[in-house]
Protein backbone atom coordinates (compact mmCIF):
# COMPACT_ATOMS: atom_id res chain seq x y z
CA MET A 1 16.44 45.91 -50.38
CA LEU A 2 18.98 48.21 -52.45
CA LYS A 3 19.86 49.35 -48.67
CA ASN A 4 20.11 46.06 -47.19
CA VAL A 5 22.84 44.89 -50.30
CA ILE A 6 24.85 48.10 -49.66
CA LYS A 7 24.94 47.61 -45.84
CA VAL A 8 26.24 44.29 -46.60
CA LEU A 9 28.32 44.88 -49.30
CA THR A 10 30.05 47.70 -47.33
CA SER A 11 30.58 45.03 -44.25
CA LYS A 12 32.43 42.89 -46.52
CA MET A 13 34.63 45.59 -47.88
CA ILE A 14 35.44 46.90 -44.55
CA ALA A 15 36.32 43.21 -43.34
CA SER A 16 37.86 42.52 -46.95
CA GLY A 17 40.23 45.86 -46.14
CA MET A 18 40.85 44.79 -42.53
CA TYR A 19 41.68 41.48 -43.44
CA PHE A 20 44.46 42.31 -46.23
CA ALA A 21 45.82 45.02 -44.02
CA THR A 22 46.10 42.85 -40.72
CA ASN A 23 47.94 40.41 -43.20
CA LEU A 24 50.43 43.16 -44.52
CA MET A 25 51.34 44.00 -41.16
CA VAL A 26 52.12 40.72 -39.92
CA ILE A 27 54.39 40.00 -43.08
CA ASN A 28 56.40 43.03 -42.08
CA SER A 29 56.38 41.87 -38.16
CA ILE A 30 57.72 38.60 -38.13
CA SER A 31 60.40 36.39 -40.42
CA VAL A 32 59.30 34.31 -43.19
CA GLU A 33 59.45 30.77 -41.58
CA ASP A 34 57.25 32.53 -38.86
CA TYR A 35 54.68 33.56 -41.99
CA ALA A 36 54.68 30.30 -43.25
CA ASN A 37 53.45 28.60 -39.94
CA PHE A 38 50.88 31.70 -39.77
CA SER A 39 49.39 31.30 -43.10
CA LEU A 40 49.09 27.75 -42.39
CA VAL A 41 46.37 28.64 -39.60
CA ILE A 42 45.22 31.27 -42.03
CA VAL A 43 44.30 28.58 -44.75
CA MET A 44 42.88 26.17 -42.43
CA LEU A 45 40.64 27.86 -40.38
CA PRO A 46 37.91 27.77 -43.44
CA LEU A 47 38.19 23.94 -43.49
CA ILE A 48 37.19 23.81 -40.19
CA ALA A 49 34.23 25.80 -40.72
CA PHE A 50 33.59 24.36 -44.06
CA LEU A 51 33.41 20.84 -41.90
CA CYS A 52 30.90 22.39 -39.67
CA ASN A 53 28.69 24.30 -42.14
CA ALA A 54 28.93 22.80 -45.82
CA GLY A 55 25.04 22.06 -46.55
CA THR A 56 23.72 23.14 -43.40
CA ASN A 57 23.36 26.36 -43.13
CA LYS A 58 21.78 26.76 -47.15
CA SER A 59 19.76 23.62 -45.85
CA GLY A 60 18.27 25.85 -42.95
CA LEU A 61 17.66 28.84 -45.31
CA LEU A 62 15.58 26.75 -47.65
CA LEU A 63 13.74 24.57 -45.02
CA THR A 64 12.71 27.67 -42.71
CA LYS A 65 11.45 29.64 -45.73
CA ARG A 66 9.36 26.80 -46.83
CA ASP A 67 8.03 26.58 -43.43
CA GLU A 68 9.22 22.92 -42.81
CA LEU A 69 11.87 23.91 -40.02
CA GLU A 70 11.91 26.72 -37.38
CA VAL A 71 14.69 28.82 -37.02
CA ASP A 72 14.93 27.46 -33.19
CA ALA A 73 15.54 24.02 -34.38
CA PHE A 74 17.83 24.70 -37.07
CA VAL A 75 19.86 27.33 -34.69
CA THR A 76 19.53 24.40 -31.87
CA LEU A 77 20.44 21.39 -34.19
CA LYS A 78 23.59 23.43 -35.36
CA VAL A 79 25.10 24.17 -32.22
CA VAL A 80 24.72 20.65 -30.92
CA TYR A 81 26.36 19.69 -34.20
CA ILE A 82 29.41 22.17 -33.83
CA SER A 83 29.74 21.23 -30.16
CA ILE A 84 30.60 17.49 -31.17
CA VAL A 85 33.15 19.09 -33.99
CA THR A 86 34.74 21.24 -31.28
CA ILE A 87 35.44 18.13 -29.22
CA VAL A 88 36.55 15.61 -31.78
CA ALA A 89 38.31 18.41 -33.74
CA LEU A 90 40.22 19.33 -29.84
CA ILE A 91 41.41 16.21 -29.36
CA ILE A 92 42.81 15.95 -32.93
CA GLY A 93 44.31 18.96 -32.66
CA SER A 94 46.25 18.44 -29.30
CA TYR A 95 48.27 16.28 -31.18
CA PHE A 96 49.97 19.16 -33.71
CA SER A 97 51.73 21.94 -32.79
CA LEU A 98 49.32 25.15 -33.75
CA GLY A 99 45.97 22.47 -33.75
CA LEU A 100 44.58 24.13 -30.83
CA PHE A 101 44.77 27.62 -32.45
CA ILE A 102 43.28 26.41 -36.20
CA VAL A 103 40.27 24.54 -34.00
CA VAL A 104 39.51 27.70 -31.96
CA SER A 105 39.70 29.73 -34.82
CA GLY A 106 37.87 27.87 -36.89
CA ILE A 107 34.97 26.64 -34.45
CA SER A 108 34.37 30.36 -33.90
CA LEU A 109 34.69 31.43 -37.75
CA ALA A 110 31.69 28.37 -37.98
CA THR A 111 29.69 29.62 -34.73
CA VAL A 112 29.56 33.56 -36.36
CA GLU A 113 28.66 31.45 -39.98
CA LEU A 114 25.69 30.21 -38.26
CA GLY A 115 24.89 33.40 -36.65
CA LEU A 116 24.80 35.14 -40.50
CA THR A 117 22.81 32.07 -41.52
CA ALA A 118 20.03 32.78 -38.58
CA LEU A 119 20.17 36.44 -39.10
CA GLN A 120 19.97 36.10 -43.06
CA ILE A 121 17.04 33.69 -42.45
CA GLN A 122 15.65 36.30 -40.32
CA GLU A 123 16.50 39.09 -42.75
CA ARG A 124 18.22 41.12 -40.00
CA PHE A 125 20.76 42.45 -42.35
CA ARG A 126 22.05 45.50 -39.79
CA ASN A 127 22.91 43.22 -37.52
CA TYR A 128 24.06 40.71 -40.10
CA SER A 129 26.46 43.64 -41.36
CA ILE A 130 27.84 44.75 -37.90
CA LEU A 131 28.96 40.67 -37.26
CA ASN A 132 30.18 39.96 -40.76
CA GLY A 133 33.17 42.33 -40.41
CA PHE A 134 33.35 42.24 -36.37
CA ARG A 135 36.03 39.85 -36.24
CA ASN A 136 38.52 41.43 -38.99
CA ILE A 137 38.26 44.68 -37.02
CA ILE A 138 38.95 43.75 -34.09
CA TRP A 139 41.93 41.59 -35.13
CA GLY A 140 43.25 44.15 -37.15
CA GLY A 141 42.79 46.68 -34.14
CA ILE A 142 44.38 44.22 -31.72
CA THR A 143 47.25 43.67 -34.42
CA VAL A 144 47.52 47.61 -34.96
CA PHE A 145 47.82 47.96 -31.03
CA MET A 146 50.67 45.46 -30.85
CA PHE A 147 52.35 47.10 -33.80
CA TYR A 148 52.70 50.11 -32.05
CA PHE A 149 53.35 49.42 -28.62
CA SER A 150 55.51 46.31 -28.94
CA ASP A 151 56.94 43.85 -31.16
CA ILE A 152 54.68 41.45 -33.18
CA SER A 153 55.45 37.67 -33.05
CA ILE A 154 54.08 34.85 -34.34
CA ASP A 155 52.53 33.82 -30.87
CA LYS A 156 51.36 37.51 -30.50
CA ALA A 157 49.98 37.44 -33.96
CA LEU A 158 48.24 33.89 -33.34
CA ASN A 159 47.01 35.09 -30.27
CA ALA A 160 44.94 37.98 -31.76
CA LEU A 161 43.72 36.19 -34.35
CA VAL A 162 42.06 33.47 -31.31
CA PHE A 163 40.82 36.28 -29.17
CA SER A 164 39.30 38.51 -32.60
CA SER A 165 37.55 34.97 -33.33
CA LEU A 166 36.65 34.11 -29.96
CA LEU A 167 35.09 37.77 -29.41
CA SER A 168 33.16 37.28 -32.79
CA ALA A 169 31.63 33.86 -31.16
CA VAL A 170 30.29 35.86 -28.23
CA LEU A 171 28.66 38.16 -30.48
CA SER A 172 27.03 35.75 -32.76
CA PHE A 173 25.51 33.77 -29.41
CA PHE A 174 24.58 37.04 -28.44
CA PHE A 175 22.18 37.40 -31.43
CA ILE A 176 21.16 33.77 -31.61
CA PHE A 177 21.21 32.17 -27.88
CA LYS A 178 17.84 33.06 -27.51
CA LYS A 179 16.67 30.51 -30.49
CA ILE A 180 18.95 27.56 -28.61
CA ARG A 181 16.26 25.32 -27.26
CA LEU A 182 17.96 21.54 -26.78
CA SER A 183 14.54 19.82 -26.29
CA TYR A 184 14.02 20.96 -29.71
CA ILE A 185 16.61 17.32 -30.59
CA PHE A 186 13.46 15.50 -28.68
CA GLU A 187 10.65 16.99 -30.34
CA LYS A 188 11.26 17.73 -33.94
CA LYS A 189 12.78 14.58 -34.87
CA PRO A 190 10.94 14.28 -38.33
CA GLU A 191 11.96 18.10 -39.04
CA PHE A 192 15.44 17.26 -38.33
CA THR A 193 15.12 14.19 -40.88
CA SER A 194 14.52 16.48 -43.83
CA PHE A 195 17.32 18.67 -42.59
CA LEU A 196 19.70 16.06 -42.57
CA ARG A 197 18.37 14.98 -46.11
CA THR A 198 18.35 18.21 -47.99
CA THR A 199 21.55 19.06 -46.28
CA ASN A 200 23.16 16.05 -47.93
CA VAL A 201 22.15 17.82 -51.01
CA PHE A 202 23.57 21.24 -50.78
CA PHE A 203 26.92 19.16 -48.76
CA ALA A 204 27.44 17.97 -52.48
CA THR A 205 27.00 21.30 -53.96
CA GLU A 206 28.86 23.13 -51.89
CA LEU A 207 31.49 20.71 -51.83
CA SER A 208 31.79 20.58 -56.08
CA LEU A 209 31.86 24.63 -55.91
CA GLN A 210 34.35 24.30 -53.23
CA VAL A 211 36.47 21.97 -56.06
CA MET A 212 35.56 24.22 -59.05
CA MET A 213 37.42 27.21 -57.16
CA ARG A 214 40.45 25.52 -56.64
CA MET A 215 40.62 23.50 -59.64
CA GLU A 216 42.71 25.52 -62.32
CA ALA A 217 45.32 26.68 -59.42
CA TRP A 218 45.81 23.12 -58.50
CA ILE A 219 46.10 22.16 -61.90
CA LEU A 220 48.81 24.93 -62.76
CA ALA A 221 50.77 23.58 -59.56
CA ILE A 222 51.28 20.74 -60.51
CA PHE A 223 51.99 21.65 -64.23
CA ILE A 224 54.60 23.69 -62.62
CA LYS A 225 55.99 20.70 -60.25
CA TYR A 226 56.36 18.38 -63.84
CA ARG A 227 57.98 21.73 -65.56
CA ILE A 228 55.09 21.83 -68.27
CA VAL A 229 54.55 25.55 -67.98
CA GLU A 230 56.43 28.10 -66.26
CA SER A 231 56.29 29.23 -62.61
CA THR A 232 55.35 32.60 -63.44
CA GLU A 233 51.93 31.72 -64.86
CA LEU A 234 50.56 30.54 -61.11
CA ALA A 235 51.61 34.06 -60.27
CA ILE A 236 50.02 35.82 -62.75
CA PHE A 237 46.93 33.61 -62.68
CA ASN A 238 46.54 34.58 -58.87
CA ALA A 239 47.06 37.96 -59.38
CA ALA A 240 44.04 37.95 -61.60
CA PHE A 241 42.18 35.92 -59.50
CA MET A 242 43.10 38.80 -56.32
CA PHE A 243 41.85 41.46 -58.27
CA ALA A 244 38.66 39.71 -59.90
CA PHE A 245 37.83 38.80 -56.07
CA VAL A 246 36.51 42.45 -55.76
CA LEU A 247 33.56 41.29 -58.22
CA PRO A 248 32.39 38.44 -55.56
CA MET A 249 32.13 40.48 -52.73
CA ILE A 250 29.25 42.48 -54.67
CA THR A 251 27.18 39.65 -55.94
CA ASN A 252 27.77 38.00 -52.92
CA SER A 253 26.24 40.52 -51.37
CA VAL A 254 23.17 41.09 -53.49
CA TYR A 255 23.03 36.95 -53.62
CA SER A 256 22.90 37.14 -49.33
CA VAL A 257 20.18 39.99 -49.59
CA ILE A 258 17.69 38.13 -51.96
CA MET A 259 18.19 34.87 -51.90
CA PRO A 260 15.66 34.77 -48.02
CA SER A 261 12.93 36.82 -49.85
CA LEU A 262 12.80 34.64 -52.96
CA LEU A 263 12.69 31.22 -50.96
CA ASN A 264 9.66 32.92 -48.79
CA LYS A 265 6.93 30.38 -49.12
CA GLU A 266 4.02 33.07 -50.10
CA SER A 267 6.62 34.40 -52.52
CA ASN A 268 6.50 34.21 -56.41
CA LYS A 269 9.29 36.59 -57.14
CA ALA A 270 11.74 33.50 -58.08
CA ASP A 271 9.72 33.36 -61.17
CA GLU A 272 9.67 37.04 -61.72
CA ILE A 273 13.82 36.99 -60.66
CA TYR A 274 14.69 34.44 -63.72
CA GLU A 275 12.07 36.61 -66.14
CA LYS A 276 14.42 40.14 -64.91
CA ILE A 277 17.66 38.31 -65.28
CA SER A 278 16.91 36.65 -69.05
CA ASN A 279 15.64 40.08 -69.59
CA ASN A 280 18.26 42.06 -68.40
CA LYS A 281 21.36 39.92 -69.18
CA PHE A 282 22.87 42.76 -71.38
CA LEU A 283 22.94 45.28 -68.44
CA ILE A 284 24.54 43.01 -66.51
CA PHE A 285 27.14 42.47 -68.61
CA SER A 286 28.02 45.69 -68.99
CA PHE A 287 28.39 46.55 -65.48
CA VAL A 288 30.72 43.46 -65.62
CA GLY A 289 33.00 45.03 -68.57
CA THR A 290 32.81 48.36 -67.40
CA ALA A 291 34.29 46.67 -63.58
CA ALA A 292 36.73 44.79 -66.03
CA ILE A 293 37.95 47.96 -67.65
CA ILE A 294 38.67 49.64 -64.31
CA GLY A 295 40.48 46.67 -62.97
CA ALA A 296 42.51 46.14 -66.02
CA LEU A 297 43.49 49.41 -65.30
CA ALA A 298 44.63 49.01 -62.01
CA ILE A 299 46.47 45.66 -62.80
CA ASN A 300 48.32 48.19 -65.08
CA VAL A 301 49.07 50.79 -62.56
CA LEU A 302 49.44 48.91 -59.64
CA LEU A 303 51.24 45.91 -60.24
CA PRO A 304 54.90 45.38 -61.54
CA ALA A 305 55.78 44.71 -65.30
CA ASP A 306 55.99 41.04 -65.04
CA TYR A 307 52.15 41.22 -63.71
CA LYS A 308 50.96 43.04 -66.67
CA SER A 309 49.98 39.88 -68.80
CA SER A 310 47.77 38.72 -65.72
CA THR A 311 45.01 41.43 -67.45
CA ILE A 312 43.71 38.86 -69.97
CA PRO A 313 42.90 36.50 -67.67
CA PHE A 314 41.46 38.87 -65.21
CA VAL A 315 39.03 40.15 -67.52
CA LEU A 316 37.89 35.85 -68.55
CA ILE A 317 37.52 35.74 -64.71
CA CYS A 318 35.31 38.69 -64.31
CA VAL A 319 32.86 37.63 -67.22
CA ALA A 320 32.86 34.10 -65.88
CA ILE A 321 31.92 35.75 -62.37
CA SER A 322 28.73 37.51 -64.28
CA VAL A 323 27.92 34.15 -65.52
CA SER A 324 27.98 32.39 -62.15
CA PHE A 325 26.24 35.15 -60.54
CA ILE A 326 23.46 34.64 -63.11
CA THR A 327 23.14 31.21 -62.90
CA ASN A 328 22.92 31.23 -59.21
CA VAL A 329 20.20 33.18 -59.13
CA ILE A 330 18.45 31.53 -61.81
CA GLN A 331 18.98 28.49 -59.81
CA ILE A 332 17.05 29.78 -56.70
CA SER A 333 13.87 29.07 -59.11
CA ILE A 334 14.60 25.82 -59.27
CA ILE A 335 15.43 25.66 -55.65
CA LYS A 336 12.53 27.07 -54.51
CA SER A 337 10.26 24.47 -56.61
CA GLY A 338 11.58 21.75 -54.48
CA ASN A 339 13.92 20.32 -57.02
CA GLU A 340 17.35 21.23 -55.18
CA THR A 341 18.50 17.66 -56.41
CA PHE A 342 18.74 19.27 -59.91
CA VAL A 343 20.83 21.51 -58.46
CA LYS A 344 23.27 19.33 -57.38
CA SER A 345 23.60 17.39 -60.65
CA ILE A 346 24.41 20.59 -62.41
CA THR A 347 27.03 21.33 -59.74
CA VAL A 348 28.65 18.03 -59.61
CA TRP A 349 28.60 17.39 -63.69
CA GLN A 350 30.62 21.04 -63.59
CA MET A 351 33.06 20.27 -61.50
CA MET A 352 33.42 16.82 -63.72
CA ILE A 353 33.72 18.10 -66.74
CA SER A 354 35.97 21.11 -65.18
CA VAL A 355 39.04 18.49 -64.55
CA PRO A 356 39.73 17.30 -68.59
CA ILE A 357 38.64 21.05 -69.32
CA SER A 358 41.42 22.96 -66.98
CA PHE A 359 44.22 20.16 -67.90
CA LEU A 360 43.73 21.22 -71.92
CA CYS A 361 43.16 24.72 -71.60
CA ILE A 362 45.99 25.18 -69.21
CA TYR A 363 48.44 22.86 -71.10
CA PHE A 364 47.76 24.96 -74.16
CA GLY A 365 47.58 28.23 -72.58
CA GLY A 366 49.09 28.42 -69.22
CA ALA A 367 47.50 31.19 -66.78
CA ILE A 368 44.88 32.41 -69.68
CA GLY A 369 43.91 29.00 -70.73
CA GLY A 370 43.33 28.62 -66.59
CA ALA A 371 40.95 31.82 -66.96
CA PHE A 372 39.47 30.75 -70.09
CA SER A 373 38.95 27.59 -68.44
CA ILE A 374 37.10 28.63 -65.55
CA LEU A 375 34.67 30.64 -68.21
CA ILE A 376 33.97 27.46 -70.09
CA THR A 377 32.73 25.61 -67.29
CA ARG A 378 30.46 28.49 -65.91
CA ILE A 379 28.70 28.89 -69.45
CA LEU A 380 28.16 25.22 -69.71
CA GLY A 381 26.71 25.46 -65.98
CA PHE A 382 24.50 28.49 -67.31
CA VAL A 383 23.13 26.75 -70.56
CA ARG A 384 22.50 23.25 -68.94
CA THR A 385 20.54 25.45 -65.58
CA ASN A 386 18.70 27.04 -68.41
CA ILE A 387 17.70 23.82 -69.99
CA VAL A 388 16.63 22.84 -66.72
CA VAL A 389 14.53 25.72 -65.74
CA LYS A 390 12.95 25.38 -69.26
CA SER A 391 11.93 21.70 -68.81
CA LEU A 392 10.76 22.82 -65.21
CA TYR A 393 8.35 25.49 -66.75
CA ALA A 394 7.18 23.64 -69.27
CA LYS A 395 5.65 21.06 -66.63
């Protein structure tokens, strides 16, 4: 398992590094106005992918591990669904100047995520790692080529993004095309009904998580607009968030590897994981504490003096990430027991209470208050998750 975690983590770090470096080259090669348009495409890509994948990938992972849905049936259904979204999105996108760039790249990203999920279900983490970093490596390579041999314009930067996205989608199809059988659409109606029902649960969960991830930044932006807090508070908060981003790469890599094995129908590891997490919280927080200290030192060394105050928000966000990771792993035992609706209710509840908590904390504390809001919300989610798990085990 450790080897798989290292493979996935390495691919995520390479992909993130190439993404950062490529964006840096583009920033230094085109005008601010052009980069604003380029950023619009970058920001919209995850939205298109989210519309294709929200709830469906985790639902497919769960049902295949429960032996309630075949991998081939899941892949086939997703390909048909993505095809329908593609047709609708292309029609809508054709009315906007950058619409086709956004749609093609976004749909390609959704296809890649389908391939990643199929490989995750089969626990083929070597291929998962290759596919995970492929797009950003190709995108970076094309951009470097342009950087040295010609001028980079916004058109060339967008074409490089689209081309690398399409190549990634082709690679994804290489891994999954043998799983596509259109006959399953007519043969597997009961399984599809179960799939759609479970997807509804995870869609609400993932939508709530997406809102929670951005809640504090949105509220900071609102307060800045009405001059309730200084504009520098958002810059400080975003700097802290950027540095803390390294930690989720580690936790998400671990989660991606352990989840398929924990959800196996025959496996009893979910109960064991709950006990291990409960007994080793101190070690987890010690690791996070060490990472927070290193990150705080990096902030003071790498960032300008105006950003030094982002150290405290950074540390708070790191602790919140560790609490969130522990909560997510514990929730696997709830999902495995067939009670995924409890996870939905916990996450939606977290999202709802995060609104007043964020407003109060940011009003009184600015960037530090925003980070503190993240921590409070995650702790409350952790507490409620433990209450639910203990009540289920008591039965």
